[in-house]
PDB file of N, CA and C in Angstrom:
ATOM      1  N   MET A   1      79.323-105.109 -82.686  1.00  0.00           N
ATOM      2  CA  MET A   1      79.897-105.628 -81.377  1.00  0.00           C
ATOM      3  C   MET A   1      81.394-105.769 -81.856  1.00  0.00           C
ATOM      4  N   ASP A   2      81.589-106.056 -82.727  1.00  0.00           N
ATOM      5  CA  ASP A   2      82.927-106.069 -83.449  1.00  0.00           C
ATOM      6  C   ASP A   2      83.871-104.972 -83.498  1.00  0.00           C
ATOM      7  N   THR A   3      82.964-104.213 -83.820  1.00  0.00           N
ATOM      8  CA  THR A   3      83.573-102.728 -83.931  1.00  0.00           C
ATOM      9  C   THR A   3      83.732-102.023 -82.499  1.00  0.00           C
ATOM     10  N   LEU A   4      83.226-102.466 -81.614  1.00  0.00           N
ATOM     11  CA  LEU A   4      83.496-102.287 -80.252  1.00  0.00           C
ATOM     12  C   LEU A   4      84.618-102.754 -79.740  1.00  0.00           C
ATOM     13  N   ALA A   5      84.798-103.954 -79.828  1.00  0.00           N
ATOM     14  CA  ALA A   5      86.070-104.729 -79.414  1.00  0.00           C
ATOM     15  C   ALA A   5      87.465-104.423 -80.220  1.00  0.00           C
ATOM     16  N   ARG A   6      87.253-104.188 -81.439  1.00  0.00           N
ATOM     17  CA  ARG A   6      88.184-103.661 -82.262  1.00  0.00           C
ATOM     18  C   ARG A   6      88.536-102.118 -81.610  1.00  0.00           C
ATOM     19  N   GLN A   7      87.837-101.711 -81.594  1.00  0.00           N
ATOM     20  CA  GLN A   7      88.177-100.254 -80.991  1.00  0.00           C
ATOM     21  C   GLN A   7      88.911-100.313 -79.549  1.00  0.00           C
ATOM     22  N   ASP A   8      88.564-100.920 -78.787  1.00  0.00           N
ATOM     23  CA  ASP A   8      88.988-101.187 -77.214  1.00  0.00           C
ATOM     24  C   ASP A   8      90.374-101.575 -77.465  1.00  0.00           C
ATOM     25  N   HIS A   9      90.639-102.730 -78.644  1.00  0.00           N
ATOM     26  CA  HIS A   9      92.070-103.425 -78.275  1.00  0.00           C
ATOM     27  C   HIS A   9      93.076-102.282 -78.947  1.00  0.00           C
ATOM     28  N   MET A  10      92.275-101.389 -80.003  1.00  0.00           N
ATOM     29  CA  MET A  10      93.060-100.555 -80.760  1.00  0.00           C
ATOM     30  C   MET A  10      93.623 -99.293 -79.401  1.00  0.00           C
ATOM     31  N   ALA A  11      92.757 -98.850 -78.549  1.00  0.00           N
ATOM     32  CA  ALA A  11      92.974 -97.797 -77.975  1.00  0.00           C
ATOM     33  C   ALA A  11      93.710 -98.698 -76.801  1.00  0.00           C
ATOM     34  N   GLY A  12      93.959-100.015 -76.329  1.00  0.00           N
ATOM     35  CA  GLY A  12      94.842-100.197 -75.242  1.00  0.00           C
ATOM     36  C   GLY A  12      96.297-100.503 -76.548  1.00  0.00           C
ATOM     37  N   THR A  13      96.132-100.921 -77.312  1.00  0.00           N
ATOM     38  CA  THR A  13      97.494-101.197 -78.020  1.00  0.00           C
ATOM     39  C   THR A  13      98.060 -99.601 -78.134  1.00  0.00           C
ATOM     40  N   ARG A  14      97.314 -98.323 -78.507  1.00  0.00           N
ATOM     41  CA  ARG A  14      97.948 -97.050 -78.214  1.00  0.00           C
ATOM     42  C   ARG A  14      98.488 -97.107 -77.225  1.00  0.00           C
ATOM     43  N   ASP A  15      97.641 -97.111 -76.012  1.00  0.00           N
ATOM     44  CA  ASP A  15      98.026 -96.674 -74.433  1.00  0.00           C
ATOM     45  C   ASP A  15      99.222 -97.434 -74.360  1.00  0.00           C
ATOM     46  N   VAL A  16      99.620 -98.415 -74.661  1.00  0.00           N
ATOM     47  CA  VAL A  16     100.620 -99.305 -74.599  1.00  0.00           C
ATOM     48  C   VAL A  16     102.004 -98.679 -75.327  1.00  0.00           C
ATOM     49  N   ALA A  17     102.032 -98.163 -76.344  1.00  0.00           N
ATOM     50  CA  ALA A  17     102.824 -97.790 -77.025  1.00  0.00           C
ATOM     51  C   ALA A  17     103.654 -96.548 -76.586  1.00  0.00           C
ATOM     52  N   LEU A  18     101.998 -95.835 -75.901  1.00  0.00           N
ATOM     53  CA  LEU A  18     102.405 -94.145 -75.547  1.00  0.00           C
ATOM     54  C   LEU A  18     103.604 -94.565 -74.203  1.00  0.00           C
ATOM     55  N   GLN A  19     102.699 -95.636 -73.609  1.00  0.00           N
ATOM     56  CA  GLN A  19     103.727 -95.660 -72.320  1.00  0.00           C
ATOM     57  C   GLN A  19     104.947 -96.180 -72.283  1.00  0.00           C
ATOM     58  N   LYS A  20     105.071 -96.649 -73.477  1.00  0.00           N
ATOM     59  CA  LYS A  20     106.826 -97.505 -74.113  1.00  0.00           C
ATOM     60  C   LYS A  20     107.491 -95.972 -74.181  1.00  0.00           C
ATOM     61  N   LEU A  21     106.940 -95.148 -75.177  1.00  0.00           N
ATOM     62  CA  LEU A  21     107.647 -93.915 -75.805  1.00  0.00           C
ATOM     63  C   LEU A  21     108.199 -93.167 -74.399  1.00  0.00           C
ATOM     64  N   ARG A  22     107.467 -93.309 -73.136  1.00  0.00           N
ATOM     65  CA  ARG A  22     107.219 -92.100 -72.302  1.00  0.00           C
ATOM     66  C   ARG A  22     108.433 -92.934 -71.834  1.00  0.00           C
ATOM     67  N   ASP A  23     108.578 -94.550 -71.221  1.00  0.00           N
ATOM     68  CA  ASP A  23     109.536 -94.764 -70.646  1.00  0.00           C
ATOM     69  C   ASP A  23     111.214 -94.800 -71.623  1.00  0.00           C
ATOM     70  N   VAL A  24     111.036 -94.770 -72.672  1.00  0.00           N
ATOM     71  CA  VAL A  24     111.807 -94.489 -73.644  1.00  0.00           C
ATOM     72  C   VAL A  24     112.959 -93.454 -73.204  1.00  0.00           C
ATOM     73  N   THR A  25     111.650 -92.181 -73.345  1.00  0.00           N
ATOM     74  CA  THR A  25     112.141 -90.682 -73.049  1.00  0.00           C
ATOM     75  C   THR A  25     112.539 -90.703 -71.742  1.00  0.00           C
ATOM     76  N   ILE A  26     112.151 -91.048 -70.984  1.00  0.00           N
ATOM     77  CA  ILE A  26     112.859 -91.146 -69.722  1.00  0.00           C
ATOM     78  C   ILE A  26     114.104 -91.617 -69.425  1.00  0.00           C
ATOM     79  N   ALA A  27     114.124 -92.817 -70.156  1.00  0.00           N
ATOM     80  CA  ALA A  27     115.276 -93.316 -69.872  1.00  0.00           C
ATOM     81  C   ALA A  27     116.724 -92.792 -70.615  1.00  0.00           C
ATOM     82  N   ILE A  28     115.915 -92.199 -72.045  1.00  0.00           N
ATOM     83  CA  ILE A  28     117.424 -91.518 -72.692  1.00  0.00           C
ATOM     84  C   ILE A  28     117.500 -90.355 -71.987  1.00  0.00           C
ATOM     85  N   ALA A  29     116.886 -89.124 -71.193  1.00  0.00           N
ATOM     86  CA  ALA A  29     116.802 -88.536 -70.706  1.00  0.00           C
ATOM     87  C   ALA A  29     118.053 -88.763 -69.312  1.00  0.00           C
ATOM     88  N   VAL A  30     117.525 -89.435 -68.814  1.00  0.00           N
ATOM     89  CA  VAL A  30     118.410 -90.187 -67.435  1.00  0.00           C
ATOM     90  C   VAL A  30     119.776 -90.569 -67.918  1.00  0.00           C
ATOM     91  N   ALA A  31     120.020 -90.908 -68.695  1.00  0.00           N
ATOM     92  CA  ALA A  31     121.064 -91.462 -69.925  1.00  0.00           C
ATOM     93  C   ALA A  31     122.043 -90.221 -70.062  1.00  0.00           C
ATOM     94  N   ALA A  32     121.348 -89.167 -70.623  1.00  0.00           N
ATOM     95  CA  ALA A  32     122.380 -88.172 -70.685  1.00  0.00           C
ATOM     96  C   ALA A  32     122.702 -87.128 -69.915  1.00  0.00           C
ATOM     97  N   THR A  33     121.783 -86.999 -69.124  1.00  0.00           N
ATOM     98  CA  THR A  33     122.101 -86.868 -67.530  1.00  0.00           C
ATOM     99  C   THR A  33     123.328 -87.063 -67.136  1.00  0.00           C
ATOM    100  N   ALA A  34     123.179 -88.476 -67.051  1.00  0.00           N
ATOM    101  CA  ALA A  34     124.567 -89.416 -66.382  1.00  0.00           C
ATOM    102  C   ALA A  34     125.668 -89.226 -67.012  1.00  0.00           C
ATOM    103  N   ALA A  35     125.511 -89.069 -68.557  1.00  0.00           N
ATOM    104  CA  ALA A  35     126.922 -88.921 -69.551  1.00  0.00           C
ATOM    105  C   ALA A  35     127.298 -87.584 -68.898  1.00  0.00           C
ATOM    106  N   VAL A  36     126.046 -86.584 -69.066  1.00  0.00           N
ATOM    107  CA  VAL A  36     126.860 -85.021 -69.207  1.00  0.00           C
ATOM    108  C   VAL A  36     127.746 -84.868 -67.371  1.00  0.00           C
ATOM    109  N   GLY A  37     126.902 -85.696 -66.526  1.00  0.00           N
ATOM    110  CA  GLY A  37     127.782 -85.796 -65.027  1.00  0.00           C
ATOM    111  C   GLY A  37     129.049 -86.279 -65.302  1.00  0.00           C
ATOM    112  N   LEU A  38     129.353 -87.412 -66.221  1.00  0.00           N
ATOM    113  CA  LEU A  38     130.559 -88.363 -65.884  1.00  0.00           C
ATOM    114  C   LEU A  38     131.417 -87.271 -66.962  1.00  0.00           C
ATOM    115  N   MET A  39     131.339 -86.885 -67.955  1.00  0.00           N
ATOM    116  CA  MET A  39     131.938 -86.114 -68.479  1.00  0.00           C
ATOM    117  C   MET A  39     132.193 -84.477 -67.544  1.00  0.00           C
ATOM    118  N   ALA A  40     131.451 -84.080 -67.086  1.00  0.00           N
ATOM    119  CA  ALA A  40     132.039 -82.740 -66.313  1.00  0.00           C
ATOM    120  C   ALA A  40     133.078 -83.511 -65.000  1.00  0.00           C
ATOM    121  N   TRP A  41     133.050 -84.722 -64.487  1.00  0.00           N
ATOM    122  CA  TRP A  41     133.841 -85.129 -63.340  1.00  0.00           C
ATOM    123  C   TRP A  41     134.985 -85.378 -64.303  1.00  0.00           C
ATOM    124  N   VAL A  42     135.383 -86.194 -65.431  1.00  0.00           N
ATOM    125  CA  VAL A  42     136.496 -86.838 -65.654  1.00  0.00           C
ATOM    126  C   VAL A  42     137.455 -85.176 -66.404  1.00  0.00           C
ATOM    127  N   SER A  43     136.586 -84.069 -67.235  1.00  0.00           N
ATOM    128  CA  SER A  43     136.934 -82.817 -67.350  1.00  0.00           C
ATOM    129  C   SER A  43     137.595 -82.192 -65.892  1.00  0.00           C
ATOM    130  N   ALA A  44     137.030 -82.545 -64.966  1.00  0.00           N
ATOM    131  CA  ALA A  44     137.517 -81.638 -63.505  1.00  0.00           C
ATOM    132  C   ALA A  44     138.410 -82.525 -63.423  1.00  0.00           C
ATOM    133  N   ALA A  45     138.563 -83.506 -63.470  1.00  0.00           N
ATOM    134  CA  ALA A  45     139.934 -84.429 -62.990  1.00  0.00           C
ATOM    135  C   ALA A  45     141.078 -84.569 -63.800  1.00  0.00           C
ATOM    136  N   THR A  46     140.583 -84.058 -64.779  1.00  0.00           N
ATOM    137  CA  THR A  46     142.096 -84.041 -66.689  1.00  0.00           C
ATOM    138  C   THR A  46     142.376 -82.833 -66.346  1.00  0.00           C
ATOM    139  N   ILE A  47     141.638 -81.715 -66.421  1.00  0.00           N
ATOM    140  CA  ILE A  47     142.190 -80.497 -66.709  1.00  0.00           C
ATOM    141  C   ILE A  47     142.968 -79.596 -65.575  1.00  0.00           C
ATOM    142  N   PRO A  48     144.425 -79.289 -66.228  1.00  0.00           N
ATOM    143  CA  PRO A  48     144.921 -78.722 -64.827  1.00  0.00           C
ATOM    144  C   PRO A  48     144.332 -77.568 -64.815  1.00  0.00           C
ATOM    145  N   GLY A  49     144.466 -77.390 -63.271  1.00  0.00           N
ATOM    146  CA  GLY A  49     143.736 -75.954 -62.935  1.00  0.00           C
ATOM    147  C   GLY A  49     144.465 -75.798 -61.647  1.00  0.00           C
ATOM    148  N   THR A  50     143.629 -75.226 -60.695  1.00  0.00           N
ATOM    149  CA  THR A  50     144.434 -74.893 -59.346  1.00  0.00           C
ATOM    150  C   THR A  50     144.351 -76.082 -58.481  1.00  0.00           C
ATOM    151  N   PRO A  51     145.088 -76.286 -57.800  1.00  0.00           N
ATOM    152  CA  PRO A  51     145.799 -77.438 -57.309  1.00  0.00           C
ATOM    153  C   PRO A  51     144.186 -77.782 -56.090  1.00  0.00           C
ATOM    154  N   GLY A  52     144.156 -79.145 -56.164  1.00  0.00           N
ATOM    155  CA  GLY A  52     143.115 -79.140 -54.378  1.00  0.00           C
ATOM    156  C   GLY A  52     143.767 -79.608 -53.537  1.00  0.00           C
ATOM    157  N   THR A  53     143.655 -80.717 -53.074  1.00  0.00           N
ATOM    158  CA  THR A  53     144.147 -81.383 -51.824  1.00  0.00           C
ATOM    159  C   THR A  53     145.354 -81.582 -52.484  1.00  0.00           C
ATOM    160  N   ALA A  54     145.950 -82.199 -53.617  1.00  0.00           N
ATOM    161  CA  ALA A  54     147.443 -82.706 -53.629  1.00  0.00           C
ATOM    162  C   ALA A  54     148.174 -80.981 -54.258  1.00  0.00           C
ATOM    163  N   SER A  55     149.126 -81.179 -54.020  1.00  0.00           N
ATOM    164  CA  SER A  55     150.021 -79.554 -53.670  1.00  0.00           C
ATOM    165  C   SER A  55     150.864 -79.565 -54.572  1.00  0.00           C
ATOM    166  N   LEU A  56     152.053 -78.887 -54.935  1.00  0.00           N
ATOM    167  CA  LEU A  56     152.939 -78.719 -55.546  1.00  0.00           C
ATOM    168  C   LEU A  56     153.843 -79.081 -54.715  1.00  0.00           C
ATOM    169  N   THR A  57     155.639 -79.764 -55.229  1.00  0.00           N
ATOM    170  CA  THR A  57     155.949 -80.632 -54.124  1.00  0.00           C
ATOM    171  C   THR A  57     157.200 -79.950 -55.169  1.00  0.00           C
ATOM    172  N   GLY A  58     158.804 -80.077 -54.039  1.00  0.00           N
ATOM    173  CA  GLY A  58     159.878 -79.975 -54.482  1.00  0.00           C
ATOM    174  C   GLY A  58     160.290 -78.580 -53.689  1.00  0.00           C
ATOM    175  N   ASN A  59     161.481 -78.606 -53.983  1.00  0.00           N
ATOM    176  CA  ASN A  59     162.319 -77.239 -53.072  1.00  0.00           C
ATOM    177  C   ASN A  59     162.429 -76.375 -53.955  1.00  0.00           C
ATOM    178  N   THR A  60     161.924 -74.884 -53.838  1.00  0.00           N
ATOM    179  CA  THR A  60     162.418 -73.931 -54.955  1.00  0.00           C
ATOM    180  C   THR A  60     163.667 -73.299 -54.773  1.00  0.00           C
ATOM    181  N   ALA A  61     164.204 -73.708 -54.054  1.00  0.00           N
ATOM    182  CA  ALA A  61     165.922 -73.348 -53.374  1.00  0.00           C
ATOM    183  C   ALA A  61     166.711 -74.168 -54.296  1.00  0.00           C
ATOM    184  N   THR A  62     165.921 -75.419 -54.763  1.00  0.00           N
ATOM    185  CA  THR A  62     166.928 -75.873 -55.759  1.00  0.00           C
ATOM    186  C   THR A  62     167.010 -75.477 -57.301  1.00  0.00           C
ATOM    187  N   VAL A  63     165.916 -75.239 -57.957  1.00  0.00           N
ATOM    188  CA  VAL A  63     165.616 -75.147 -58.868  1.00  0.00           C
ATOM    189  C   VAL A  63     165.926 -73.389 -59.106  1.00  0.00           C
ATOM    190  N   PRO A  64     166.757 -72.896 -59.674  1.00  0.00           N
ATOM    191  CA  PRO A  64     167.227 -71.669 -60.395  1.00  0.00           C
ATOM    192  C   PRO A  64     165.996 -70.752 -60.646  1.00  0.00           C
ATOM    193  N   ASN A  65     166.063 -69.502 -60.302  1.00  0.00           N
ATOM    194  CA  ASN A  65     165.374 -68.135 -60.812  1.00  0.00           C
ATOM    195  C   ASN A  65     163.907 -68.742 -60.842  1.00  0.00           C
ATOM    196  N   SER A  66     163.636 -69.386 -59.472  1.00  0.00           N
ATOM    197  CA  SER A  66     162.266 -69.706 -59.495  1.00  0.00           C
ATOM    198  C   SER A  66     161.682 -69.102 -58.343  1.00  0.00           C
ATOM    199  N   GLN A  67     160.487 -68.842 -58.461  1.00  0.00           N
ATOM    200  CA  GLN A  67     159.385 -68.068 -57.592  1.00  0.00           C
ATOM    201  C   GLN A  67     158.539 -69.071 -57.051  1.00  0.00           C
ATOM    202  N   PRO A  68     158.369 -68.811 -55.590  1.00  0.00           N
ATOM    203  CA  PRO A  68     156.666 -69.758 -55.174  1.00  0.00           C
ATOM    204  C   PRO A  68     155.563 -68.826 -55.840  1.00  0.00           C
ATOM    205  N   VAL A  69     154.941 -70.399 -55.949  1.00  0.00           N
ATOM    206  CA  VAL A  69     153.443 -70.039 -56.808  1.00  0.00           C
ATOM    207  C   VAL A  69     152.586 -69.467 -55.890  1.00  0.00           C
ATOM    208  N   THR A  70     151.888 -68.430 -56.309  1.00  0.00           N
ATOM    209  CA  THR A  70     151.062 -67.884 -55.110  1.00  0.00           C
ATOM    210  C   THR A  70     149.197 -68.226 -55.614  1.00  0.00           C
ATOM    211  N   SER A  71     148.244 -68.337 -54.666  1.00  0.00           N
ATOM    212  CA  SER A  71     146.902 -68.619 -55.385  1.00  0.00           C
ATOM    213  C   SER A  71     146.460 -67.952 -57.001  1.00  0.00           C
ATOM    214  N   GLY A  72     147.175 -66.950 -57.338  1.00  0.00           N
ATOM    215  CA  GLY A  72     146.426 -66.081 -58.370  1.00  0.00           C
ATOM    216  C   GLY A  72     147.848 -66.573 -59.952  1.00  0.00           C
ATOM    217  N   ASP A  73     148.767 -66.845 -59.273  1.00  0.00           N
ATOM    218  CA  ASP A  73     149.880 -66.885 -60.419  1.00  0.00           C
ATOM    219  C   ASP A  73     149.692 -68.232 -61.146  1.00  0.00           C
ATOM    220  N   ASP A  74     149.305 -68.080 -62.298  1.00  0.00           N
ATOM    221  CA  ASP A  74     149.414 -69.264 -63.057  1.00  0.00           C
ATOM    222  C   ASP A  74     150.825 -69.652 -63.997  1.00  0.00           C
ATOM    223  N   GLY A  75     151.976 -69.025 -63.198  1.00  0.00           N
ATOM    224  CA  GLY A  75     153.203 -69.672 -63.612  1.00  0.00           C
ATOM    225  C   GLY A  75     153.465 -69.159 -65.057  1.00  0.00           C
ATOM    226  N   PHE A  76     152.800 -68.239 -65.679  1.00  0.00           N
ATOM    227  CA  PHE A  76     153.294 -67.867 -66.832  1.00  0.00           C
ATOM    228  C   PHE A  76     153.650 -66.009 -66.487  1.00  0.00           C
ATOM    229  N   THR A  77     154.804 -65.546 -67.511  1.00  0.00           N
ATOM    230  CA  THR A  77     154.912 -64.180 -67.246  1.00  0.00           C
ATOM    231  C   THR A  77     154.792 -63.448 -68.612  1.00  0.00           C
ATOM    232  N   GLN A  78     153.999 -62.326 -68.074  1.00  0.00           N
ATOM    233  CA  GLN A  78     153.229 -61.645 -69.442  1.00  0.00           C
ATOM    234  C   GLN A  78     154.255 -60.242 -70.004  1.00  0.00           C
ATOM    235  N   ALA A  79     154.528 -60.127 -71.417  1.00  0.00           N
ATOM    236  CA  ALA A  79     155.130 -59.274 -71.414  1.00  0.00           C
ATOM    237  C   ALA A  79     154.462 -57.729 -71.607  1.00  0.00           C
ATOM    238  N   PRO A  80     155.659 -56.396 -71.152  1.00  0.00           N
ATOM    239  CA  PRO A  80     154.771 -55.366 -70.581  1.00  0.00           C
ATOM    240  C   PRO A  80     153.708 -55.163 -71.969  1.00  0.00           C
ATOM    241  N   PRO A  81     152.639 -53.866 -71.894  1.00  0.00           N
ATOM    242  CA  PRO A  81     152.257 -53.471 -72.675  1.00  0.00           C
ATOM    243  C   PRO A  81     152.929 -53.107 -73.771  1.00  0.00           C
ATOM    244  N   SER A  82     152.522 -53.128 -75.159  1.00  0.00           N
ATOM    245  CA  SER A  82     153.518 -52.390 -75.941  1.00  0.00           C
ATOM    246  C   SER A  82     153.022 -50.910 -76.360  1.00  0.00           C
ATOM    247  N   THR A  83     154.278 -50.243 -76.231  1.00  0.00           N
ATOM    248  CA  THR A  83     153.657 -48.647 -76.227  1.00  0.00           C
ATOM    249  C   THR A  83     154.059 -47.910 -77.850  1.00  0.00           C
ATOM    250  N   ARG A  84     154.321 -48.742 -78.766  1.00  0.00           N
ATOM    251  CA  ARG A  84     153.962 -48.941 -80.227  1.00  0.00           C
ATOM    252  C   ARG A  84     153.094 -48.499 -80.668  1.00  0.00           C
ATOM    253  N   GLN A  85     152.914 -47.272 -81.731  1.00  0.00           N
ATOM    254  CA  GLN A  85     151.849 -46.620 -82.171  1.00  0.00           C
ATOM    255  C   GLN A  85     151.948 -47.272 -83.498  1.00  0.00           C
ATOM    256  N   PHE A  86     150.737 -47.417 -84.053  1.00  0.00           N
ATOM    257  CA  PHE A  86     150.839 -47.826 -85.626  1.00  0.00           C
ATOM    258  C   PHE A  86     149.892 -46.976 -86.155  1.00  0.00           C
ATOM    259  N   GLY A  87     149.983 -46.454 -87.248  1.00  0.00           N
ATOM    260  CA  GLY A  87     149.149 -45.488 -88.431  1.00  0.00           C
ATOM    261  C   GLY A  87     147.514 -46.160 -88.525  1.00  0.00           C
ATOM    262  N   PRO A  88     146.866 -44.938 -89.180  1.00  0.00           N
ATOM    263  CA  PRO A  88     145.813 -45.395 -89.594  1.00  0.00           C
ATOM    264  C   PRO A  88     145.582 -46.951 -90.464  1.00  0.00           C
ATOM    265  N   ALA A  89     144.361 -47.326 -90.255  1.00  0.00           N
ATOM    266  CA  ALA A  89     144.374 -48.828 -90.694  1.00  0.00           C
ATOM    267  C   ALA A  89     143.692 -48.258 -92.556  1.00  0.00           C
ATOM    268  N   ALA A  90     144.205 -49.036 -93.345  1.00  0.00           N
ATOM    269  CA  ALA A  90     143.915 -48.980 -94.575  1.00  0.00           C
ATOM    270  C   ALA A  90     143.715 -50.229 -95.651  1.00  0.00           C
ATOM    271  N   ALA A  91     142.897 -50.261 -96.328  1.00  0.00           N
ATOM    272  CA  ALA A  91     142.536 -51.188 -97.146  1.00  0.00           C
ATOM    273  C   ALA A  91     143.080 -51.573 -98.117  1.00  0.00           C
ATOM    274  N   VAL A  92     143.436 -52.663 -98.598  1.00  0.00           N
ATOM    275  CA  VAL A  92     144.168 -53.257 -99.611  1.00  0.00           C
ATOM    276  C   VAL A  92     143.585 -53.807-100.236  1.00  0.00           C
ATOM    277  N   THR A  93     143.105 -53.673-101.759  1.00  0.00           N
ATOM    278  CA  THR A  93     143.004 -54.643-102.728  1.00  0.00           C
ATOM    279  C   THR A  93     143.516 -55.457-103.362  1.00  0.00           C
ATOM    280  N   GLY A  94     143.163 -56.684-104.218  1.00  0.00           N
ATOM    281  CA  GLY A  94     144.520 -57.508-104.906  1.00  0.00           C
ATOM    282  C   GLY A  94     144.756 -58.213-103.981  1.00  0.00           C
ATOM    283  N   GLY A  95     145.348 -59.054-104.401  1.00  0.00           N
ATOM    284  CA  GLY A  95     145.973 -60.343-104.146  1.00  0.00           C
ATOM    285  C   GLY A  95     147.524 -60.773-104.256  1.00  0.00           C
ATOM    286  N   SER A  96     148.470 -61.172-103.413  1.00  0.00           N
ATOM    287  CA  SER A  96     149.795 -61.677-103.586  1.00  0.00           C
ATOM    288  C   SER A  96     149.921 -62.478-104.844  1.00  0.00           C
ATOM    289  N   ARG A  97     151.118 -62.030-105.593  1.00  0.00           N
ATOM    290  CA  ARG A  97     151.362 -63.334-106.399  1.00  0.00           C
ATOM    291  C   ARG A  97     152.602 -64.394-106.423  1.00  0.00           C
TER     292      ARG A  97
END
């Protein structure tokens, strides 16, 4: 009889431990999801991008050489593509001294 009681006790202890492990796993998954959501929210709030409800202010007429910002304009000008042609690539061995 002692063996049956001991096995029953061990089975109960194992079930409690497995339930604790499941609870910890679920808590970690919920915390990780919340952390990812928080980081996404902070990133969206702090990384510059297209203006949402807050828009650019100021008078563009008072700034010399300014142009109004359009929805596709990032404010950076790009140089025209280079028309310079280069010769074939060559491998060079050895280092500089």
